[in-house]
Amino acid sequence: MVQLSVEVAVREKIGRIVDPGTGLSLGAMGLITGVEETGEGVLKIDFVPSTPYSPVAYSIALAIKEVALAQKGVKKVMVFCHNHVLSERINADVNAR
């Protein structure tokens, strides 16, 4: 059996998260813009919410972090929301956890 890289496995899993505002998955909408292993077991994940004013952007960022941390081999996850009016605040809070 072929083992997927951590990046690929996490991208696949977080791509299944559904944006409740649209009813579509993040993967189907192409909202996951980057998944990069920056160190052993350390991931940097970039995403764009469905709108710059999405009321669920914070919840989605937390869901991304939780799903990624559940992947075997992942020790730390940094999630970065882009193109949202509260991106800086979302990023600071989610990554402080």
PDB file of N, CA and C in Angstrom:
ATOM      1  N   MET A   1       0.833  -1.173   0.000  1.00  0.00           N
ATOM      2  CA  MET A   1       0.000   0.000   0.000  1.00  0.00           C
ATOM      3  C   MET A   1       0.886   1.247   0.000  1.00  0.00           C
ATOM      4  N   VAL A   2       0.551   2.211  -0.824  1.00  0.00           N
ATOM      5  CA  VAL A   2       1.316   3.446  -0.934  1.00  0.00           C
ATOM      6  C   VAL A   2       0.880   4.402   0.174  1.00  0.00           C
ATOM      7  N   GLN A   3       1.848   4.965   0.901  1.00  0.00           N
ATOM      8  CA  GLN A   3       1.567   5.917   1.971  1.00  0.00           C
ATOM      9  C   GLN A   3       1.577   7.331   1.395  1.00  0.00           C
ATOM     10  N   LEU A   4       0.507   8.074   1.661  1.00  0.00           N
ATOM     11  CA  LEU A   4       0.429   9.457   1.204  1.00  0.00           C
ATOM     12  C   LEU A   4       1.318  10.334   2.073  1.00  0.00           C
ATOM     13  N   SER A   5       1.855  11.389   1.482  1.00  0.00           N
ATOM     14  CA  SER A   5       2.614  12.338   2.296  1.00  0.00           C
ATOM     15  C   SER A   5       1.651  13.023   3.254  1.00  0.00           C
ATOM     16  N   VAL A   6       2.190  13.561   4.322  1.00  0.00           N
ATOM     17  CA  VAL A   6       1.363  14.256   5.309  1.00  0.00           C
ATOM     18  C   VAL A   6       0.619  15.406   4.640  1.00  0.00           C
ATOM     19  N   GLU A   7       1.299  16.141   3.781  1.00  0.00           N
ATOM     20  CA  GLU A   7       0.677  17.285   3.100  1.00  0.00           C
ATOM     21  C   GLU A   7      -0.537  16.845   2.291  1.00  0.00           C
ATOM     22  N   VAL A   8      -0.374  15.776   1.510  1.00  0.00           N
ATOM     23  CA  VAL A   8      -1.459  15.297   0.650  1.00  0.00           C
ATOM     24  C   VAL A   8      -2.616  14.771   1.498  1.00  0.00           C
ATOM     25  N   ALA A   9      -2.296  13.996   2.523  1.00  0.00           N
ATOM     26  CA  ALA A   9      -3.338  13.432   3.386  1.00  0.00           C
ATOM     27  C   ALA A   9      -4.134  14.529   4.087  1.00  0.00           C
ATOM     28  N   VAL A  10      -3.447  15.545   4.596  1.00  0.00           N
ATOM     29  CA  VAL A  10      -4.131  16.639   5.286  1.00  0.00           C
ATOM     30  C   VAL A  10      -4.952  17.450   4.298  1.00  0.00           C
ATOM     31  N   ARG A  11      -4.413  17.738   3.134  1.00  0.00           N
ATOM     32  CA  ARG A  11      -5.163  18.505   2.127  1.00  0.00           C
ATOM     33  C   ARG A  11      -6.469  17.788   1.773  1.00  0.00           C
ATOM     34  N   GLU A  12      -6.384  16.474   1.631  1.00  0.00           N
ATOM     35  CA  GLU A  12      -7.571  15.690   1.302  1.00  0.00           C
ATOM     36  C   GLU A  12      -8.611  15.793   2.422  1.00  0.00           C
ATOM     37  N   LYS A  13      -8.169  15.649   3.668  1.00  0.00           N
ATOM     38  CA  LYS A  13      -9.106  15.668   4.800  1.00  0.00           C
ATOM     39  C   LYS A  13      -9.710  17.047   5.036  1.00  0.00           C
ATOM     40  N   ILE A  14      -8.896  18.087   4.994  1.00  0.00           N
ATOM     41  CA  ILE A  14      -9.464  19.414   5.224  1.00  0.00           C
ATOM     42  C   ILE A  14     -10.302  19.867   4.031  1.00  0.00           C
ATOM     43  N   GLY A  15     -10.033  19.312   2.872  1.00  0.00           N
ATOM     44  CA  GLY A  15     -10.831  19.621   1.691  1.00  0.00           C
ATOM     45  C   GLY A  15     -12.268  19.150   1.818  1.00  0.00           C
ATOM     46  N   ARG A  16     -12.524  18.218   2.729  1.00  0.00           N
ATOM     47  CA  ARG A  16     -13.885  17.699   2.950  1.00  0.00           C
ATOM     48  C   ARG A  16     -14.702  18.559   3.906  1.00  0.00           C
ATOM     49  N   ILE A  17     -14.059  19.507   4.580  1.00  0.00           N
ATOM     50  CA  ILE A  17     -14.791  20.388   5.499  1.00  0.00           C
ATOM     51  C   ILE A  17     -15.797  21.189   4.681  1.00  0.00           C
ATOM     52  N   VAL A  18     -17.033  21.251   5.164  1.00  0.00           N
ATOM     53  CA  VAL A  18     -18.099  21.949   4.442  1.00  0.00           C
ATOM     54  C   VAL A  18     -18.288  23.351   5.000  1.00  0.00           C
ATOM     55  N   ASP A  19     -18.336  24.313   4.101  1.00  0.00           N
ATOM     56  CA  ASP A  19     -18.644  25.699   4.463  1.00  0.00           C
ATOM     57  C   ASP A  19     -20.162  25.764   4.633  1.00  0.00           C
ATOM     58  N   PRO A  20     -20.647  25.996   5.854  1.00  0.00           N
ATOM     59  CA  PRO A  20     -22.095  25.992   6.065  1.00  0.00           C
ATOM     60  C   PRO A  20     -22.829  27.105   5.319  1.00  0.00           C
ATOM     61  N   GLY A  21     -22.115  28.142   4.954  1.00  0.00           N
ATOM     62  CA  GLY A  21     -22.740  29.239   4.210  1.00  0.00           C
ATOM     63  C   GLY A  21     -23.078  28.877   2.778  1.00  0.00           C
ATOM     64  N   THR A  22     -22.293  27.965   2.206  1.00  0.00           N
ATOM     65  CA  THR A  22     -22.521  27.583   0.810  1.00  0.00           C
ATOM     66  C   THR A  22     -22.998  26.134   0.674  1.00  0.00           C
ATOM     67  N   GLY A  23     -22.716  25.320   1.689  1.00  0.00           N
ATOM     68  CA  GLY A  23     -23.065  23.904   1.609  1.00  0.00           C
ATOM     69  C   GLY A  23     -22.082  23.093   0.780  1.00  0.00           C
ATOM     70  N   LEU A  24     -20.990  23.716   0.360  1.00  0.00           N
ATOM     71  CA  LEU A  24     -19.976  23.045  -0.451  1.00  0.00           C
ATOM     72  C   LEU A  24     -18.707  22.838   0.365  1.00  0.00           C
ATOM     73  N   SER A  25     -17.926  21.846  -0.038  1.00  0.00           N
ATOM     74  CA  SER A  25     -16.673  21.583   0.674  1.00  0.00           C
ATOM     75  C   SER A  25     -15.612  22.601   0.275  1.00  0.00           C
ATOM     76  N   LEU A  26     -14.645  22.790   1.177  1.00  0.00           N
ATOM     77  CA  LEU A  26     -13.539  23.710   0.892  1.00  0.00           C
ATOM     78  C   LEU A  26     -12.773  23.254  -0.342  1.00  0.00           C
ATOM     79  N   GLY A  27     -12.615  21.933  -0.487  1.00  0.00           N
ATOM     80  CA  GLY A  27     -11.905  21.390  -1.642  1.00  0.00           C
ATOM     81  C   GLY A  27     -12.630  21.659  -2.943  1.00  0.00           C
ATOM     82  N   ALA A  28     -13.949  21.468  -2.948  1.00  0.00           N
ATOM     83  CA  ALA A  28     -14.740  21.695  -4.165  1.00  0.00           C
ATOM     84  C   ALA A  28     -14.688  23.150  -4.603  1.00  0.00           C
ATOM     85  N   MET A  29     -14.599  24.057  -3.615  1.00  0.00           N
ATOM     86  CA  MET A  29     -14.556  25.487  -3.945  1.00  0.00           C
ATOM     87  C   MET A  29     -13.140  25.997  -4.166  1.00  0.00           C
ATOM     88  N   GLY A  30     -12.133  25.153  -3.938  1.00  0.00           N
ATOM     89  CA  GLY A  30     -10.745  25.573  -4.141  1.00  0.00           C
ATOM     90  C   GLY A  30     -10.281  26.597  -3.118  1.00  0.00           C
ATOM     91  N   LEU A  31     -10.781  26.509  -1.875  1.00  0.00           N
ATOM     92  CA  LEU A  31     -10.459  27.506  -0.862  1.00  0.00           C
ATOM     93  C   LEU A  31      -9.199  27.200  -0.070  1.00  0.00           C
ATOM     94  N   ILE A  32      -8.669  25.991  -0.191  1.00  0.00           N
ATOM     95  CA  ILE A  32      -7.404  25.647   0.459  1.00  0.00           C
ATOM     96  C   ILE A  32      -6.310  26.029  -0.538  1.00  0.00           C
ATOM     97  N   THR A  33      -5.570  27.083  -0.227  1.00  0.00           N
ATOM     98  CA  THR A  33      -4.586  27.594  -1.183  1.00  0.00           C
ATOM     99  C   THR A  33      -3.180  27.082  -0.937  1.00  0.00           C
ATOM    100  N   GLY A  34      -2.961  26.437   0.211  1.00  0.00           N
ATOM    101  CA  GLY A  34      -1.630  25.900   0.469  1.00  0.00           C
ATOM    102  C   GLY A  34      -1.592  25.000   1.688  1.00  0.00           C
ATOM    103  N   VAL A  35      -0.871  23.895   1.552  1.00  0.00           N
ATOM    104  CA  VAL A  35      -0.574  23.003   2.673  1.00  0.00           C
ATOM    105  C   VAL A  35       0.899  22.669   2.531  1.00  0.00           C
ATOM    106  N   GLU A  36       1.695  23.103   3.506  1.00  0.00           N
ATOM    107  CA  GLU A  36       3.148  22.929   3.405  1.00  0.00           C
ATOM    108  C   GLU A  36       3.701  22.412   4.729  1.00  0.00           C
ATOM    109  N   GLU A  37       4.512  21.383   4.652  1.00  0.00           N
ATOM    110  CA  GLU A  37       5.188  20.881   5.840  1.00  0.00           C
ATOM    111  C   GLU A  37       6.472  21.692   5.983  1.00  0.00           C
ATOM    112  N   THR A  38       6.514  22.548   6.995  1.00  0.00           N
ATOM    113  CA  THR A  38       7.652  23.451   7.177  1.00  0.00           C
ATOM    114  C   THR A  38       8.731  22.859   8.064  1.00  0.00           C
ATOM    115  N   GLY A  39       8.419  21.768   8.715  1.00  0.00           N
ATOM    116  CA  GLY A  39       9.338  21.039   9.578  1.00  0.00           C
ATOM    117  C   GLY A  39       8.724  19.677   9.814  1.00  0.00           C
ATOM    118  N   GLU A  40       9.422  18.814  10.497  1.00  0.00           N
ATOM    119  CA  GLU A  40       8.875  17.483  10.724  1.00  0.00           C
ATOM    120  C   GLU A  40       7.625  17.564  11.591  1.00  0.00           C
ATOM    121  N   GLY A  41       6.482  17.243  10.983  1.00  0.00           N
ATOM    122  CA  GLY A  41       5.215  17.265  11.699  1.00  0.00           C
ATOM    123  C   GLY A  41       4.623  18.650  11.901  1.00  0.00           C
ATOM    124  N   VAL A  42       5.194  19.656  11.276  1.00  0.00           N
ATOM    125  CA  VAL A  42       4.711  21.034  11.408  1.00  0.00           C
ATOM    126  C   VAL A  42       4.145  21.483  10.061  1.00  0.00           C
ATOM    127  N   LEU A  43       2.867  21.878  10.074  1.00  0.00           N
ATOM    128  CA  LEU A  43       2.205  22.281   8.840  1.00  0.00           C
ATOM    129  C   LEU A  43       1.802  23.747   8.864  1.00  0.00           C
ATOM    130  N   LYS A  44       1.890  24.361   7.693  1.00  0.00           N
ATOM    131  CA  LYS A  44       1.373  25.713   7.454  1.00  0.00           C
ATOM    132  C   LYS A  44       0.255  25.544   6.432  1.00  0.00           C
ATOM    133  N   ILE A  45      -0.944  25.970   6.800  1.00  0.00           N
ATOM    134  CA  ILE A  45      -2.103  25.822   5.918  1.00  0.00           C
ATOM    135  C   ILE A  45      -2.687  27.194   5.633  1.00  0.00           C
ATOM    136  N   ASP A  46      -2.878  27.492   4.350  1.00  0.00           N
ATOM    137  CA  ASP A  46      -3.470  28.757   3.925  1.00  0.00           C
ATOM    138  C   ASP A  46      -4.841  28.480   3.315  1.00  0.00           C
ATOM    139  N   PHE A  47      -5.809  29.332   3.650  1.00  0.00           N
ATOM    140  CA  PHE A  47      -7.127  29.208   3.042  1.00  0.00           C
ATOM    141  C   PHE A  47      -7.752  30.578   2.858  1.00  0.00           C
ATOM    142  N   VAL A  48      -8.740  30.620   1.987  1.00  0.00           N
ATOM    143  CA  VAL A  48      -9.499  31.832   1.710  1.00  0.00           C
ATOM    144  C   VAL A  48     -10.964  31.498   1.987  1.00  0.00           C
ATOM    145  N   PRO A  49     -11.642  32.271   2.830  1.00  0.00           N
ATOM    146  CA  PRO A  49     -13.067  32.004   3.054  1.00  0.00           C
ATOM    147  C   PRO A  49     -13.880  32.317   1.797  1.00  0.00           C
ATOM    148  N   SER A  50     -15.102  31.835   1.756  1.00  0.00           N
ATOM    149  CA  SER A  50     -15.923  32.008   0.554  1.00  0.00           C
ATOM    150  C   SER A  50     -16.241  33.466   0.242  1.00  0.00           C
ATOM    151  N   THR A  51     -16.243  34.323   1.267  1.00  0.00           N
ATOM    152  CA  THR A  51     -16.420  35.762   1.046  1.00  0.00           C
ATOM    153  C   THR A  51     -15.552  36.520   2.048  1.00  0.00           C
ATOM    154  N   PRO A  52     -15.187  37.767   1.746  1.00  0.00           N
ATOM    155  CA  PRO A  52     -14.369  38.554   2.668  1.00  0.00           C
ATOM    156  C   PRO A  52     -15.078  38.876   3.981  1.00  0.00           C
ATOM    157  N   TYR A  53     -16.383  38.668   4.040  1.00  0.00           N
ATOM    158  CA  TYR A  53     -17.156  38.962   5.246  1.00  0.00           C
ATOM    159  C   TYR A  53     -17.787  37.693   5.818  1.00  0.00           C
ATOM    160  N   SER A  54     -17.294  36.544   5.441  1.00  0.00           N
ATOM    161  CA  SER A  54     -17.865  35.268   5.881  1.00  0.00           C
ATOM    162  C   SER A  54     -17.953  35.218   7.409  1.00  0.00           C
ATOM    163  N   PRO A  55     -19.157  34.986   7.948  1.00  0.00           N
ATOM    164  CA  PRO A  55     -19.308  34.916   9.394  1.00  0.00           C
ATOM    165  C   PRO A  55     -18.762  33.614   9.989  1.00  0.00           C
ATOM    166  N   VAL A  56     -18.416  32.655   9.144  1.00  0.00           N
ATOM    167  CA  VAL A  56     -17.923  31.363   9.633  1.00  0.00           C
ATOM    168  C   VAL A  56     -16.426  31.165   9.388  1.00  0.00           C
ATOM    169  N   ALA A  57     -15.722  32.192   8.973  1.00  0.00           N
ATOM    170  CA  ALA A  57     -14.287  32.068   8.677  1.00  0.00           C
ATOM    171  C   ALA A  57     -13.501  31.595   9.897  1.00  0.00           C
ATOM    172  N   TYR A  58     -13.828  32.122  11.063  1.00  0.00           N
ATOM    173  CA  TYR A  58     -13.138  31.728  12.293  1.00  0.00           C
ATOM    174  C   TYR A  58     -13.392  30.254  12.591  1.00  0.00           C
ATOM    175  N   SER A  59     -14.635  29.838  12.505  1.00  0.00           N
ATOM    176  CA  SER A  59     -14.997  28.436  12.754  1.00  0.00           C
ATOM    177  C   SER A  59     -14.312  27.504  11.761  1.00  0.00           C
ATOM    178  N   ILE A  60     -14.227  27.929  10.521  1.00  0.00           N
ATOM    179  CA  ILE A  60     -13.568  27.107   9.503  1.00  0.00           C
ATOM    180  C   ILE A  60     -12.078  26.992   9.812  1.00  0.00           C
ATOM    181  N   ALA A  61     -11.456  28.088  10.213  1.00  0.00           N
ATOM    182  CA  ALA A  61     -10.027  28.053  10.566  1.00  0.00           C
ATOM    183  C   ALA A  61      -9.785  27.068  11.710  1.00  0.00           C
ATOM    184  N   LEU A  62     -10.646  27.095  12.730  1.00  0.00           N
ATOM    185  CA  LEU A  62     -10.515  26.153  13.847  1.00  0.00           C
ATOM    186  C   LEU A  62     -10.720  24.716  13.381  1.00  0.00           C
ATOM    187  N   ALA A  63     -11.695  24.500  12.507  1.00  0.00           N
ATOM    188  CA  ALA A  63     -11.958  23.150  11.994  1.00  0.00           C
ATOM    189  C   ALA A  63     -10.766  22.637  11.197  1.00  0.00           C
ATOM    190  N   ILE A  64     -10.169  23.498  10.401  1.00  0.00           N
ATOM    191  CA  ILE A  64      -8.986  23.114   9.623  1.00  0.00           C
ATOM    192  C   ILE A  64      -7.884  22.668  10.575  1.00  0.00           C
ATOM    193  N   LYS A  65      -7.655  23.450  11.622  1.00  0.00           N
ATOM    194  CA  LYS A  65      -6.596  23.124  12.572  1.00  0.00           C
ATOM    195  C   LYS A  65      -6.869  21.785  13.265  1.00  0.00           C
ATOM    196  N   GLU A  66      -8.095  21.567  13.724  1.00  0.00           N
ATOM    197  CA  GLU A  66      -8.454  20.330  14.417  1.00  0.00           C
ATOM    198  C   GLU A  66      -8.309  19.104  13.519  1.00  0.00           C
ATOM    199  N   VAL A  67      -8.803  19.204  12.299  1.00  0.00           N
ATOM    200  CA  VAL A  67      -8.723  18.080  11.364  1.00  0.00           C
ATOM    201  C   VAL A  67      -7.266  17.772  11.035  1.00  0.00           C
ATOM    202  N   ALA A  68      -6.463  18.799  10.801  1.00  0.00           N
ATOM    203  CA  ALA A  68      -5.047  18.595  10.473  1.00  0.00           C
ATOM    204  C   ALA A  68      -4.296  17.972  11.648  1.00  0.00           C
ATOM    205  N   LEU A  69      -4.579  18.433  12.862  1.00  0.00           N
ATOM    206  CA  LEU A  69      -3.902  17.886  14.044  1.00  0.00           C
ATOM    207  C   LEU A  69      -4.264  16.421  14.297  1.00  0.00           C
ATOM    208  N   ALA A  70      -5.400  15.984  13.794  1.00  0.00           N
ATOM    209  CA  ALA A  70      -5.823  14.598  13.981  1.00  0.00           C
ATOM    210  C   ALA A  70      -5.072  13.630  13.056  1.00  0.00           C
ATOM    211  N   GLN A  71      -4.380  14.171  12.052  1.00  0.00           N
ATOM    212  CA  GLN A  71      -3.628  13.335  11.114  1.00  0.00           C
ATOM    213  C   GLN A  71      -2.377  12.787  11.795  1.00  0.00           C
ATOM    214  N   LYS A  72      -2.138  11.516  11.631  1.00  0.00           N
ATOM    215  CA  LYS A  72      -0.956  10.877  12.204  1.00  0.00           C
ATOM    216  C   LYS A  72       0.310  11.580  11.694  1.00  0.00           C
ATOM    217  N   GLY A  73       1.211  11.867  12.617  1.00  0.00           N
ATOM    218  CA  GLY A  73       2.474  12.496  12.266  1.00  0.00           C
ATOM    219  C   GLY A  73       2.474  14.005  12.356  1.00  0.00           C
ATOM    220  N   VAL A  74       1.297  14.604  12.569  1.00  0.00           N
ATOM    221  CA  VAL A  74       1.208  16.063  12.652  1.00  0.00           C
ATOM    222  C   VAL A  74       1.302  16.473  14.127  1.00  0.00           C
ATOM    223  N   LYS A  75       2.266  17.363  14.414  1.00  0.00           N
ATOM    224  CA  LYS A  75       2.499  17.822  15.784  1.00  0.00           C
ATOM    225  C   LYS A  75       1.985  19.239  16.021  1.00  0.00           C
ATOM    226  N   LYS A  76       2.091  20.070  14.989  1.00  0.00           N
ATOM    227  CA  LYS A  76       1.713  21.480  15.122  1.00  0.00           C
ATOM    228  C   LYS A  76       1.147  21.961  13.795  1.00  0.00           C
ATOM    229  N   VAL A  77       0.127  22.816  13.877  1.00  0.00           N
ATOM    230  CA  VAL A  77      -0.507  23.356  12.671  1.00  0.00           C
ATOM    231  C   VAL A  77      -0.675  24.852  12.833  1.00  0.00           C
ATOM    232  N   MET A  78      -0.247  25.579  11.837  1.00  0.00           N
ATOM    233  CA  MET A  78      -0.468  27.022  11.770  1.00  0.00           C
ATOM    234  C   MET A  78      -1.433  27.262  10.607  1.00  0.00           C
ATOM    235  N   VAL A  79      -2.551  27.919  10.890  1.00  0.00           N
ATOM    236  CA  VAL A  79      -3.578  28.161   9.873  1.00  0.00           C
ATOM    237  C   VAL A  79      -3.620  29.655   9.589  1.00  0.00           C
ATOM    238  N   PHE A  80      -3.619  29.992   8.304  1.00  0.00           N
ATOM    239  CA  PHE A  80      -3.651  31.398   7.908  1.00  0.00           C
ATOM    240  C   PHE A  80      -4.821  31.653   6.971  1.00  0.00           C
ATOM    241  N   CYS A  81      -5.729  32.513   7.442  1.00  0.00           N
ATOM    242  CA  CYS A  81      -6.888  32.960   6.671  1.00  0.00           C
ATOM    243  C   CYS A  81      -6.441  34.189   5.873  1.00  0.00           C
ATOM    244  N   HIS A  82      -6.819  34.239   4.607  1.00  0.00           N
ATOM    245  CA  HIS A  82      -6.459  35.376   3.743  1.00  0.00           C
ATOM    246  C   HIS A  82      -7.723  35.983   3.135  1.00  0.00           C
ATOM    247  N   ASN A  83      -7.653  37.253   2.789  1.00  0.00           N
ATOM    248  CA  ASN A  83      -8.733  37.957   2.100  1.00  0.00           C
ATOM    249  C   ASN A  83     -10.039  37.987   2.887  1.00  0.00           C
ATOM    250  N   HIS A  84      -9.931  38.188   4.178  1.00  0.00           N
ATOM    251  CA  HIS A  84     -11.107  38.350   5.033  1.00  0.00           C
ATOM    252  C   HIS A  84     -10.890  39.616   5.857  1.00  0.00           C
ATOM    253  N   VAL A  85     -11.954  40.314   6.172  1.00  0.00           N
ATOM    254  CA  VAL A  85     -11.811  41.576   6.903  1.00  0.00           C
ATOM    255  C   VAL A  85     -11.185  41.387   8.285  1.00  0.00           C
ATOM    256  N   LEU A  86     -11.307  40.211   8.852  1.00  0.00           N
ATOM    257  CA  LEU A  86     -10.739  39.945  10.177  1.00  0.00           C
ATOM    258  C   LEU A  86      -9.592  38.931  10.127  1.00  0.00           C
ATOM    259  N   SER A  87      -8.926  38.825   8.993  1.00  0.00           N
ATOM    260  CA  SER A  87      -7.855  37.832   8.834  1.00  0.00           C
ATOM    261  C   SER A  87      -6.811  37.908   9.940  1.00  0.00           C
ATOM    262  N   GLU A  88      -6.334  39.097  10.246  1.00  0.00           N
ATOM    263  CA  GLU A  88      -5.277  39.228  11.258  1.00  0.00           C
ATOM    264  C   GLU A  88      -5.737  38.706  12.615  1.00  0.00           C
ATOM    265  N   ARG A  89      -6.939  39.051  12.995  1.00  0.00           N
ATOM    266  CA  ARG A  89      -7.465  38.613  14.296  1.00  0.00           C
ATOM    267  C   ARG A  89      -7.705  37.097  14.312  1.00  0.00           C
ATOM    268  N   ILE A  90      -8.278  36.581  13.242  1.00  0.00           N
ATOM    269  CA  ILE A  90      -8.520  35.137  13.139  1.00  0.00           C
ATOM    270  C   ILE A  90      -7.198  34.385  13.246  1.00  0.00           C
ATOM    271  N   ASN A  91      -6.208  34.811  12.476  1.00  0.00           N
ATOM    272  CA  ASN A  91      -4.905  34.141  12.468  1.00  0.00           C
ATOM    273  C   ASN A  91      -4.244  34.185  13.846  1.00  0.00           C
ATOM    274  N   ALA A  92      -4.285  35.343  14.484  1.00  0.00           N
ATOM    275  CA  ALA A  92      -3.643  35.475  15.806  1.00  0.00           C
ATOM    276  C   ALA A  92      -4.308  34.551  16.817  1.00  0.00           C
ATOM    277  N   ASP A  93      -5.619  34.515  16.829  1.00  0.00           N
ATOM    278  CA  ASP A  93      -6.324  33.708  17.826  1.00  0.00           C
ATOM    279  C   ASP A  93      -6.182  32.211  17.554  1.00  0.00           C
ATOM    280  N   VAL A  94      -6.394  31.805  16.327  1.00  0.00           N
ATOM    281  CA  VAL A  94      -6.319  30.377  15.991  1.00  0.00           C
ATOM    282  C   VAL A  94      -4.913  29.839  16.223  1.00  0.00           C
ATOM    283  N   ASN A  95      -3.907  30.607  15.902  1.00  0.00           N
ATOM    284  CA  ASN A  95      -2.532  30.129  16.029  1.00  0.00           C
ATOM    285  C   ASN A  95      -1.960  30.265  17.442  1.00  0.00           C
ATOM    286  N   ALA A  96      -2.683  30.962  18.318  1.00  0.00           N
ATOM    287  CA  ALA A  96      -2.269  31.061  19.717  1.00  0.00           C
ATOM    288  C   ALA A  96      -2.705  29.826  20.504  1.00  0.00           C
ATOM    289  N   ARG A  97      -3.568  29.022  19.929  1.00  0.00           N
ATOM    290  CA  ARG A  97      -4.090  27.816  20.597  1.00  0.00           C
ATOM    291  C   ARG A  97      -3.131  26.682  20.510  1.00  0.00           C
TER     292      ARG A  97
END
